PDB file of N, CA and C in Angstrom:
ATOM      1  N   MET A   1       7.268  -8.265 -13.224  1.00  0.00           N
ATOM      2  CA  MET A   1       8.685  -8.325 -12.932  1.00  0.00           C
ATOM      3  C   MET A   1       8.895  -9.173 -11.673  1.00  0.00           C
ATOM      4  N   GLN A   2       9.665 -10.215 -11.818  1.00  0.00           N
ATOM      5  CA  GLN A   2       9.850 -11.185 -10.742  1.00  0.00           C
ATOM      6  C   GLN A   2      10.641 -10.613  -9.560  1.00  0.00           C
ATOM      7  N   LEU A   3      11.669  -9.834  -9.824  1.00  0.00           N
ATOM      8  CA  LEU A   3      12.478  -9.274  -8.741  1.00  0.00           C
ATOM      9  C   LEU A   3      11.665  -8.288  -7.907  1.00  0.00           C
ATOM     10  N   ARG A   4      10.803  -7.542  -8.560  1.00  0.00           N
ATOM     11  CA  ARG A   4       9.933  -6.601  -7.840  1.00  0.00           C
ATOM     12  C   ARG A   4       8.999  -7.362  -6.902  1.00  0.00           C
ATOM     13  N   GLN A   5       8.472  -8.514  -7.353  1.00  0.00           N
ATOM     14  CA  GLN A   5       7.597  -9.331  -6.502  1.00  0.00           C
ATOM     15  C   GLN A   5       8.385  -9.924  -5.336  1.00  0.00           C
ATOM     16  N   GLN A   6       9.612 -10.337  -5.585  1.00  0.00           N
ATOM     17  CA  GLN A   6      10.463 -10.836  -4.497  1.00  0.00           C
ATOM     18  C   GLN A   6      10.669  -9.744  -3.453  1.00  0.00           C
ATOM     19  N   TYR A   7      10.840  -8.515  -3.920  1.00  0.00           N
ATOM     20  CA  TYR A   7      11.006  -7.392  -2.999  1.00  0.00           C
ATOM     21  C   TYR A   7       9.748  -7.203  -2.157  1.00  0.00           C
ATOM     22  N   ARG A   8       8.592  -7.211  -2.795  1.00  0.00           N
ATOM     23  CA  ARG A   8       7.330  -7.044  -2.057  1.00  0.00           C
ATOM     24  C   ARG A   8       7.164  -8.132  -1.003  1.00  0.00           C
ATOM     25  N   ASP A   9       7.479  -9.374  -1.373  1.00  0.00           N
ATOM     26  CA  ASP A   9       7.373 -10.488  -0.428  1.00  0.00           C
ATOM     27  C   ASP A   9       8.346 -10.315   0.736  1.00  0.00           C
ATOM     28  N   ALA A  10       9.563  -9.879   0.432  1.00  0.00           N
ATOM     29  CA  ALA A  10      10.573  -9.672   1.476  1.00  0.00           C
ATOM     30  C   ALA A  10      10.150  -8.556   2.428  1.00  0.00           C
ATOM     31  N   VAL A  11       9.585  -7.491   1.893  1.00  0.00           N
ATOM     32  CA  VAL A  11       9.123  -6.383   2.733  1.00  0.00           C
ATOM     33  C   VAL A  11       7.933  -6.819   3.574  1.00  0.00           C
ATOM     34  N   ARG A  12       7.056  -7.614   3.003  1.00  0.00           N
ATOM     35  CA  ARG A  12       5.900  -8.114   3.759  1.00  0.00           C
ATOM     36  C   ARG A  12       6.372  -8.934   4.959  1.00  0.00           C
ATOM     37  N   ALA A  13       7.356  -9.809   4.757  1.00  0.00           N
ATOM     38  CA  ALA A  13       7.900 -10.615   5.857  1.00  0.00           C
ATOM     39  C   ALA A  13       8.569  -9.717   6.898  1.00  0.00           C
ATOM     40  N   PHE A  14       9.353  -8.751   6.441  1.00  0.00           N
ATOM     41  CA  PHE A  14      10.027  -7.812   7.339  1.00  0.00           C
ATOM     42  C   PHE A  14       9.009  -7.052   8.186  1.00  0.00           C
ATOM     43  N   ASP A  15       7.967  -6.530   7.540  1.00  0.00           N
ATOM     44  CA  ASP A  15       6.944  -5.758   8.256  1.00  0.00           C
ATOM     45  C   ASP A  15       6.190  -6.610   9.270  1.00  0.00           C
ATOM     46  N   GLU A  16       5.874  -7.843   8.898  1.00  0.00           N
ATOM     47  CA  GLU A  16       5.141  -8.730   9.812  1.00  0.00           C
ATOM     48  C   GLU A  16       5.961  -9.017  11.062  1.00  0.00           C
ATOM     49  N   VAL A  17       7.215  -9.339  10.880  1.00  0.00           N
ATOM     50  CA  VAL A  17       8.077  -9.650  12.017  1.00  0.00           C
ATOM     51  C   VAL A  17       8.342  -8.393  12.852  1.00  0.00           C
ATOM     52  N   ALA A  18       8.460  -7.245  12.206  1.00  0.00           N
ATOM     53  CA  ALA A  18       8.687  -5.994  12.939  1.00  0.00           C
ATOM     54  C   ALA A  18       7.513  -5.664  13.861  1.00  0.00           C
ATOM     55  N   ARG A  19       6.316  -6.029  13.452  1.00  0.00           N
ATOM     56  CA  ARG A  19       5.137  -5.777  14.289  1.00  0.00           C
ATOM     57  C   ARG A  19       5.072  -6.725  15.483  1.00  0.00           C
ATOM     58  N   LEU A  20       5.719  -7.891  15.371  1.00  0.00           N
ATOM     59  CA  LEU A  20       5.619  -8.925  16.405  1.00  0.00           C
ATOM     60  C   LEU A  20       7.007  -9.422  16.819  1.00  0.00           C
ATOM     61  N   PRO A  21       7.864  -8.552  17.352  1.00  0.00           N
ATOM     62  CA  PRO A  21       9.243  -8.952  17.632  1.00  0.00           C
ATOM     63  C   PRO A  21       9.398 -10.015  18.712  1.00  0.00           C
ATOM     64  N   ARG A  22       8.403 -10.166  19.579  1.00  0.00           N
ATOM     65  CA  ARG A  22       8.526 -11.159  20.656  1.00  0.00           C
ATOM     66  C   ARG A  22       7.900 -12.496  20.303  1.00  0.00           C
ATOM     67  N   CYS A  23       7.187 -12.546  19.199  1.00  0.00           N
ATOM     68  CA  CYS A  23       6.544 -13.802  18.787  1.00  0.00           C
ATOM     69  C   CYS A  23       7.588 -14.772  18.242  1.00  0.00           C
ATOM     70  N   LEU A  24       7.237 -16.041  18.277  1.00  0.00           N
ATOM     71  CA  LEU A  24       8.093 -17.071  17.706  1.00  0.00           C
ATOM     72  C   LEU A  24       7.598 -17.397  16.304  1.00  0.00           C
ATOM     73  N   PHE A  25       8.531 -17.467  15.374  1.00  0.00           N
ATOM     74  CA  PHE A  25       8.209 -17.780  13.991  1.00  0.00           C
ATOM     75  C   PHE A  25       8.837 -19.123  13.637  1.00  0.00           C
ATOM     76  N   PRO A  26       8.070 -20.013  13.006  1.00  0.00           N
ATOM     77  CA  PRO A  26       8.590 -21.341  12.683  1.00  0.00           C
ATOM     78  C   PRO A  26       9.595 -21.291  11.537  1.00  0.00           C
ATOM     79  N   LEU A  27      10.592 -22.120  11.649  1.00  0.00           N
ATOM     80  CA  LEU A  27      11.585 -22.288  10.596  1.00  0.00           C
ATOM     81  C   LEU A  27      11.372 -23.675  10.018  1.00  0.00           C
ATOM     82  N   GLY A  28      11.042 -23.739   8.759  1.00  0.00           N
ATOM     83  CA  GLY A  28      10.773 -25.021   8.119  1.00  0.00           C
ATOM     84  C   GLY A  28      11.841 -25.367   7.100  1.00  0.00           C
ATOM     85  N   THR A  29      11.661 -26.510   6.474  1.00  0.00           N
ATOM     86  CA  THR A  29      12.579 -26.943   5.429  1.00  0.00           C
ATOM     87  C   THR A  29      11.794 -27.185   4.156  1.00  0.00           C
ATOM     88  N   SER A  30      12.483 -27.169   3.056  1.00  0.00           N
ATOM     89  CA  SER A  30      11.824 -27.433   1.780  1.00  0.00           C
ATOM     90  C   SER A  30      11.689 -28.929   1.523  1.00  0.00           C
ATOM     91  N   SER A  31      12.346 -29.745   2.333  1.00  0.00           N
ATOM     92  CA  SER A  31      12.303 -31.193   2.115  1.00  0.00           C
ATOM     93  C   SER A  31      11.046 -31.829   2.689  1.00  0.00           C
ATOM     94  N   GLY A  32      10.243 -31.031   3.399  1.00  0.00           N
ATOM     95  CA  GLY A  32       9.003 -31.565   3.955  1.00  0.00           C
ATOM     96  C   GLY A  32       9.202 -32.328   5.249  1.00  0.00           C
ATOM     97  N   TYR A  33      10.366 -32.212   5.870  1.00  0.00           N
ATOM     98  CA  TYR A  33      10.650 -32.895   7.122  1.00  0.00           C
ATOM     99  C   TYR A  33       9.920 -32.184   8.246  1.00  0.00           C
ATOM    100  N   GLY A  34       8.775 -32.712   8.620  1.00  0.00           N
ATOM    101  CA  GLY A  34       8.002 -32.110   9.703  1.00  0.00           C
ATOM    102  C   GLY A  34       7.462 -30.742   9.326  1.00  0.00           C
ATOM    103  N   SER A  35       6.720 -30.164  10.224  1.00  0.00           N
ATOM    104  CA  SER A  35       6.144 -28.856   9.932  1.00  0.00           C
ATOM    105  C   SER A  35       7.127 -27.723  10.226  1.00  0.00           C
ATOM    106  N   SER A  36       7.950 -27.872  11.259  1.00  0.00           N
ATOM    107  CA  SER A  36       8.992 -26.877  11.509  1.00  0.00           C
ATOM    108  C   SER A  36      10.129 -27.538  12.275  1.00  0.00           C
ATOM    109  N   ILE A  37      11.325 -27.032  12.043  1.00  0.00           N
ATOM    110  CA  ILE A  37      12.489 -27.617  12.711  1.00  0.00           C
ATOM    111  C   ILE A  37      12.969 -26.751  13.871  1.00  0.00           C
ATOM    112  N   ALA A  38      12.484 -25.513  13.926  1.00  0.00           N
ATOM    113  CA  ALA A  38      12.851 -24.603  15.016  1.00  0.00           C
ATOM    114  C   ALA A  38      11.886 -23.430  15.023  1.00  0.00           C
ATOM    115  N   LYS A  39      11.922 -22.694  16.109  1.00  0.00           N
ATOM    116  CA  LYS A  39      11.149 -21.455  16.197  1.00  0.00           C
ATOM    117  C   LYS A  39      12.099 -20.354  16.629  1.00  0.00           C
ATOM    118  N   LEU A  40      12.054 -19.262  15.897  1.00  0.00           N
ATOM    119  CA  LEU A  40      12.949 -18.147  16.159  1.00  0.00           C
ATOM    120  C   LEU A  40      12.149 -16.911  16.548  1.00  0.00           C
ATOM    121  N   ARG A  41      12.673 -16.149  17.491  1.00  0.00           N
ATOM    122  CA  ARG A  41      12.011 -14.905  17.892  1.00  0.00           C
ATOM    123  C   ARG A  41      12.096 -13.890  16.763  1.00  0.00           C
ATOM    124  N   GLY A  42      11.052 -13.095  16.650  1.00  0.00           N
ATOM    125  CA  GLY A  42      11.024 -12.065  15.619  1.00  0.00           C
ATOM    126  C   GLY A  42      12.213 -11.128  15.690  1.00  0.00           C
ATOM    127  N   ALA A  43      12.593 -10.743  16.906  1.00  0.00           N
ATOM    128  CA  ALA A  43      13.723  -9.827  17.082  1.00  0.00           C
ATOM    129  C   ALA A  43      15.028 -10.430  16.567  1.00  0.00           C
ATOM    130  N   ASP A  44      15.133 -11.763  16.586  1.00  0.00           N
ATOM    131  CA  ASP A  44      16.349 -12.422  16.115  1.00  0.00           C
ATOM    132  C   ASP A  44      16.430 -12.484  14.593  1.00  0.00           C
ATOM    133  N   VAL A  45      15.287 -12.593  13.929  1.00  0.00           N
ATOM    134  CA  VAL A  45      15.301 -12.726  12.470  1.00  0.00           C
ATOM    135  C   VAL A  45      15.081 -11.402  11.741  1.00  0.00           C
ATOM    136  N   LEU A  46      14.649 -10.376  12.452  1.00  0.00           N
ATOM    137  CA  LEU A  46      14.366  -9.092  11.808  1.00  0.00           C
ATOM    138  C   LEU A  46      15.566  -8.531  11.039  1.00  0.00           C
ATOM    139  N   PRO A  47      16.789  -8.536  11.599  1.00  0.00           N
ATOM    140  CA  PRO A  47      17.927  -8.026  10.825  1.00  0.00           C
ATOM    141  C   PRO A  47      18.185  -8.823   9.544  1.00  0.00           C
ATOM    142  N   LEU A  48      17.985 -10.124   9.596  1.00  0.00           N
ATOM    143  CA  LEU A  48      18.179 -10.946   8.398  1.00  0.00           C
ATOM    144  C   LEU A  48      17.155 -10.599   7.324  1.00  0.00           C
ATOM    145  N   LEU A  49      15.907 -10.427   7.739  1.00  0.00           N
ATOM    146  CA  LEU A  49      14.854 -10.074   6.790  1.00  0.00           C
ATOM    147  C   LEU A  49      15.078  -8.672   6.228  1.00  0.00           C
ATOM    148  N   GLY A  50      15.539  -7.760   7.071  1.00  0.00           N
ATOM    149  CA  GLY A  50      15.834  -6.406   6.610  1.00  0.00           C
ATOM    150  C   GLY A  50      16.950  -6.386   5.580  1.00  0.00           C
ATOM    151  N   LYS A  51      18.007  -7.142   5.836  1.00  0.00           N
ATOM    152  CA  LYS A  51      19.120  -7.212   4.886  1.00  0.00           C
ATOM    153  C   LYS A  51      18.678  -7.840   3.573  1.00  0.00           C
ATOM    154  N   ASN A  52      17.851  -8.866   3.646  1.00  0.00           N
ATOM    155  CA  ASN A  52      17.369  -9.519   2.435  1.00  0.00           C
ATOM    156  C   ASN A  52      16.558  -8.546   1.579  1.00  0.00           C
ATOM    157  N   ALA A  53      15.611  -7.857   2.193  1.00  0.00           N
ATOM    158  CA  ALA A  53      14.790  -6.891   1.455  1.00  0.00           C
ATOM    159  C   ALA A  53      15.660  -5.761   0.902  1.00  0.00           C
ATOM    160  N   ALA A  54      16.629  -5.315   1.682  1.00  0.00           N
ATOM    161  CA  ALA A  54      17.502  -4.225   1.247  1.00  0.00           C
ATOM    162  C   ALA A  54      18.367  -4.640   0.066  1.00  0.00           C
ATOM    163  N   ARG A  55      18.879  -5.856   0.071  1.00  0.00           N
ATOM    164  CA  ARG A  55      19.691  -6.329  -1.061  1.00  0.00           C
ATOM    165  C   ARG A  55      18.879  -6.310  -2.355  1.00  0.00           C
ATOM    166  N   ILE A  56      17.640  -6.763  -2.259  1.00  0.00           N
ATOM    167  CA  ILE A  56      16.776  -6.760  -3.444  1.00  0.00           C
ATOM    168  C   ILE A  56      16.501  -5.324  -3.882  1.00  0.00           C
ATOM    169  N   ALA A  57      16.227  -4.433  -2.923  1.00  0.00           N
ATOM    170  CA  ALA A  57      15.967  -3.026  -3.251  1.00  0.00           C
ATOM    171  C   ALA A  57      17.171  -2.398  -3.946  1.00  0.00           C
ATOM    172  N   VAL A  58      18.368  -2.665  -3.447  1.00  0.00           N
ATOM    173  CA  VAL A  58      19.574  -2.103  -4.051  1.00  0.00           C
ATOM    174  C   VAL A  58      19.777  -2.669  -5.455  1.00  0.00           C
ATOM    175  N   ASP A  59      19.501  -3.947  -5.648  1.00  0.00           N
ATOM    176  CA  ASP A  59      19.589  -4.527  -6.994  1.00  0.00           C
ATOM    177  C   ASP A  59      18.628  -3.825  -7.951  1.00  0.00           C
ATOM    178  N   LEU A  60      17.410  -3.577  -7.486  1.00  0.00           N
ATOM    179  CA  LEU A  60      16.431  -2.874  -8.316  1.00  0.00           C
ATOM    180  C   LEU A  60      16.897  -1.450  -8.619  1.00  0.00           C
ATOM    181  N   LEU A  61      17.429  -0.770  -7.615  1.00  0.00           N
ATOM    182  CA  LEU A  61      17.950   0.583  -7.820  1.00  0.00           C
ATOM    183  C   LEU A  61      19.107   0.575  -8.813  1.00  0.00           C
ATOM    184  N   ASP A  62      19.990  -0.417  -8.697  1.00  0.00           N
ATOM    185  CA  ASP A  62      21.131  -0.527  -9.611  1.00  0.00           C
ATOM    186  C   ASP A  62      20.688  -0.768 -11.052  1.00  0.00           C
ATOM    187  N   MET A  63      19.511  -1.363 -11.216  1.00  0.00           N
ATOM    188  CA  MET A  63      18.967  -1.598 -12.560  1.00  0.00           C
ATOM    189  C   MET A  63      18.230  -0.367 -13.082  1.00  0.00           C
ATOM    190  N   GLY A  64      18.210   0.703 -12.276  1.00  0.00           N
ATOM    191  CA  GLY A  64      17.577   1.937 -12.700  1.00  0.00           C
ATOM    192  C   GLY A  64      16.086   2.010 -12.436  1.00  0.00           C
ATOM    193  N   ILE A  65      15.580   1.116 -11.611  1.00  0.00           N
ATOM    194  CA  ILE A  65      14.151   1.096 -11.303  1.00  0.00           C
ATOM    195  C   ILE A  65      13.864   2.101 -10.197  1.00  0.00           C
ATOM    196  N   ASP A  66      12.852   2.921 -10.409  1.00  0.00           N
ATOM    197  CA  ASP A  66      12.463   3.944  -9.441  1.00  0.00           C
ATOM    198  C   ASP A  66      11.818   3.272  -8.237  1.00  0.00           C
ATOM    199  N   MET A  67      12.442   3.416  -7.081  1.00  0.00           N
ATOM    200  CA  MET A  67      11.937   2.802  -5.850  1.00  0.00           C
ATOM    201  C   MET A  67      11.395   3.852  -4.887  1.00  0.00           C
ATOM    202  N   GLN A  68      11.242   5.079  -5.366  1.00  0.00           N
ATOM    203  CA  GLN A  68      10.748   6.144  -4.497  1.00  0.00           C
ATOM    204  C   GLN A  68       9.359   5.776  -3.991  1.00  0.00           C
ATOM    205  N   GLY A  69       9.191   5.842  -2.698  1.00  0.00           N
ATOM    206  CA  GLY A  69       7.920   5.483  -2.078  1.00  0.00           C
ATOM    207  C   GLY A  69       7.801   4.007  -1.749  1.00  0.00           C
ATOM    208  N   ASP A  70       8.733   3.190  -2.250  1.00  0.00           N
ATOM    209  CA  ASP A  70       8.690   1.748  -1.985  1.00  0.00           C
ATOM    210  C   ASP A  70       9.574   1.334  -0.818  1.00  0.00           C
ATOM    211  N   ILE A  71      10.497   2.191  -0.421  1.00  0.00           N
ATOM    212  CA  ILE A  71      11.424   1.861   0.659  1.00  0.00           C
ATOM    213  C   ILE A  71      10.986   2.621   1.908  1.00  0.00           C
ATOM    214  N   SER A  72      10.545   1.878   2.909  1.00  0.00           N
ATOM    215  CA  SER A  72      10.039   2.502   4.135  1.00  0.00           C
ATOM    216  C   SER A  72      11.189   3.073   4.962  1.00  0.00           C
ATOM    217  N   GLU A  73      10.840   3.957   5.879  1.00  0.00           N
ATOM    218  CA  GLU A  73      11.860   4.547   6.752  1.00  0.00           C
ATOM    219  C   GLU A  73      12.527   3.493   7.628  1.00  0.00           C
ATOM    220  N   HIS A  74      11.822   2.406   7.919  1.00  0.00           N
ATOM    221  CA  HIS A  74      12.386   1.338   8.747  1.00  0.00           C
ATOM    222  C   HIS A  74      13.392   0.499   7.964  1.00  0.00           C
ATOM    223  N   LEU A  75      13.226   0.454   6.652  1.00  0.00           N
ATOM    224  CA  LEU A  75      14.121  -0.332   5.807  1.00  0.00           C
ATOM    225  C   LEU A  75      15.314   0.500   5.315  1.00  0.00           C
ATOM    226  N   THR A  76      15.198   1.813   5.355  1.00  0.00           N
ATOM    227  CA  THR A  76      16.243   2.699   4.841  1.00  0.00           C
ATOM    228  C   THR A  76      17.625   2.433   5.445  1.00  0.00           C
ATOM    229  N   PRO A  77      17.771   2.232   6.770  1.00  0.00           N
ATOM    230  CA  PRO A  77      19.116   1.951   7.304  1.00  0.00           C
ATOM    231  C   PRO A  77      19.738   0.683   6.709  1.00  0.00           C
ATOM    232  N   TYR A  78      18.922  -0.318   6.440  1.00  0.00           N
ATOM    233  CA  TYR A  78      19.428  -1.547   5.830  1.00  0.00           C
ATOM    234  C   TYR A  78      19.893  -1.284   4.400  1.00  0.00           C
ATOM    235  N   VAL A  79      19.125  -0.486   3.662  1.00  0.00           N
ATOM    236  CA  VAL A  79      19.491  -0.151   2.280  1.00  0.00           C
ATOM    237  C   VAL A  79      20.808   0.618   2.265  1.00  0.00           C
ATOM    238  N   LEU A  80      20.954   1.589   3.158  1.00  0.00           N
ATOM    239  CA  LEU A  80      22.197   2.358   3.226  1.00  0.00           C
ATOM    240  C   LEU A  80      23.381   1.462   3.569  1.00  0.00           C
ATOM    241  N   ALA A  81      23.180   0.516   4.478  1.00  0.00           N
ATOM    242  CA  ALA A  81      24.258  -0.411   4.853  1.00  0.00           C
ATOM    243  C   ALA A  81      24.660  -1.288   3.668  1.00  0.00           C
ATOM    244  N   ILE A  82      23.686  -1.765   2.914  1.00  0.00           N
ATOM    245  CA  ILE A  82      23.991  -2.606   1.747  1.00  0.00           C
ATOM    246  C   ILE A  82      24.718  -1.784   0.686  1.00  0.00           C
ATOM    247  N   LYS A  83      24.291  -0.542   0.471  1.00  0.00           N
ATOM    248  CA  LYS A  83      24.986   0.328  -0.490  1.00  0.00           C
ATOM    249  C   LYS A  83      26.437   0.545  -0.061  1.00  0.00           C
ATOM    250  N   ASP A  84      26.652   0.810   1.237  1.00  0.00           N
ATOM    251  CA  ASP A  84      28.014   0.989   1.747  1.00  0.00           C
ATOM    252  C   ASP A  84      28.838  -0.277   1.568  1.00  0.00           C
ATOM    253  N   GLU A  85      28.214  -1.412   1.831  1.00  0.00           N
ATOM    254  CA  GLU A  85      28.886  -2.707   1.680  1.00  0.00           C
ATOM    255  C   GLU A  85      29.307  -2.921   0.226  1.00  0.00           C
ATOM    256  N   LYS A  86      28.411  -2.618  -0.706  1.00  0.00           N
ATOM    257  CA  LYS A  86      28.724  -2.781  -2.129  1.00  0.00           C
ATOM    258  C   LYS A  86      29.830  -1.831  -2.560  1.00  0.00           C
ATOM    259  N   THR A  87      29.807  -0.611  -2.035  1.00  0.00           N
ATOM    260  CA  THR A  87      30.843   0.363  -2.365  1.00  0.00           C
ATOM    261  C   THR A  87      32.195  -0.114  -1.848  1.00  0.00           C
ATOM    262  N   ALA A  88      32.215  -0.633  -0.628  1.00  0.00           N
ATOM    263  CA  ALA A  88      33.464  -1.137  -0.045  1.00  0.00           C
ATOM    264  C   ALA A  88      33.976  -2.344  -0.822  1.00  0.00           C
ATOM    265  N   ASP A  89      33.071  -3.227  -1.233  1.00  0.00           N
ATOM    266  CA  ASP A  89      33.468  -4.419  -1.982  1.00  0.00           C
ATOM    267  C   ASP A  89      34.031  -4.069  -3.354  1.00  0.00           C
ATOM    268  N   SER A  90      33.555  -2.965  -3.928  1.00  0.00           N
ATOM    269  CA  SER A  90      34.018  -2.583  -5.263  1.00  0.00           C
ATOM    270  C   SER A  90      35.312  -1.772  -5.218  1.00  0.00           C
ATOM    271  N   GLY A  91      35.785  -1.490  -4.014  1.00  0.00           N
ATOM    272  CA  GLY A  91      37.026  -0.741  -3.877  1.00  0.00           C
ATOM    273  C   GLY A  91      36.831   0.759  -3.926  1.00  0.00           C
ATOM    274  N   GLY A  92      35.588   1.205  -3.979  1.00  0.00           N
ATOM    275  CA  GLY A  92      35.323   2.631  -4.061  1.00  0.00           C
ATOM    276  C   GLY A  92      35.111   3.287  -2.721  1.00  0.00           C
ATOM    277  N   TYR A  93      35.285   2.552  -1.657  1.00  0.00           N
ATOM    278  CA  TYR A  93      35.033   3.090  -0.316  1.00  0.00           C
ATOM    279  C   TYR A  93      36.173   3.996   0.109  1.00  0.00           C
ATOM    280  N   GLN A  94      35.803   5.171   0.581  1.00  0.00           N
ATOM    281  CA  GLN A  94      36.806   6.106   1.075  1.00  0.00           C
ATOM    282  C   GLN A  94      36.484   6.466   2.509  1.00  0.00           C
ATOM    283  N   ALA A  95      37.461   6.334   3.386  1.00  0.00           N
ATOM    284  CA  ALA A  95      37.255   6.652   4.805  1.00  0.00           C
ATOM    285  C   ALA A  95      37.515   8.101   5.074  1.00  0.00           C
TER     286      ALA A  95
END
């Protein structure tokens, strides 16, 4: 399943950056222009990686795929935020 592999890759990136929040990570391009165009601190990209992994997890959950044991405690707040966001976007959000 391709989406499941995308999730694993996203979680791997999230976990790596979470372990090294002060390190600089290269930002490259797909056009092959140089080896990297910028370097970003782990702490700066961690929320983006968390949201990306959470979106994929929520998509898998919405498809009825059992994700029990696949969502770490560190990723859970991102998953809850994405679920809330989807609920609000669908008009089902109640304050």
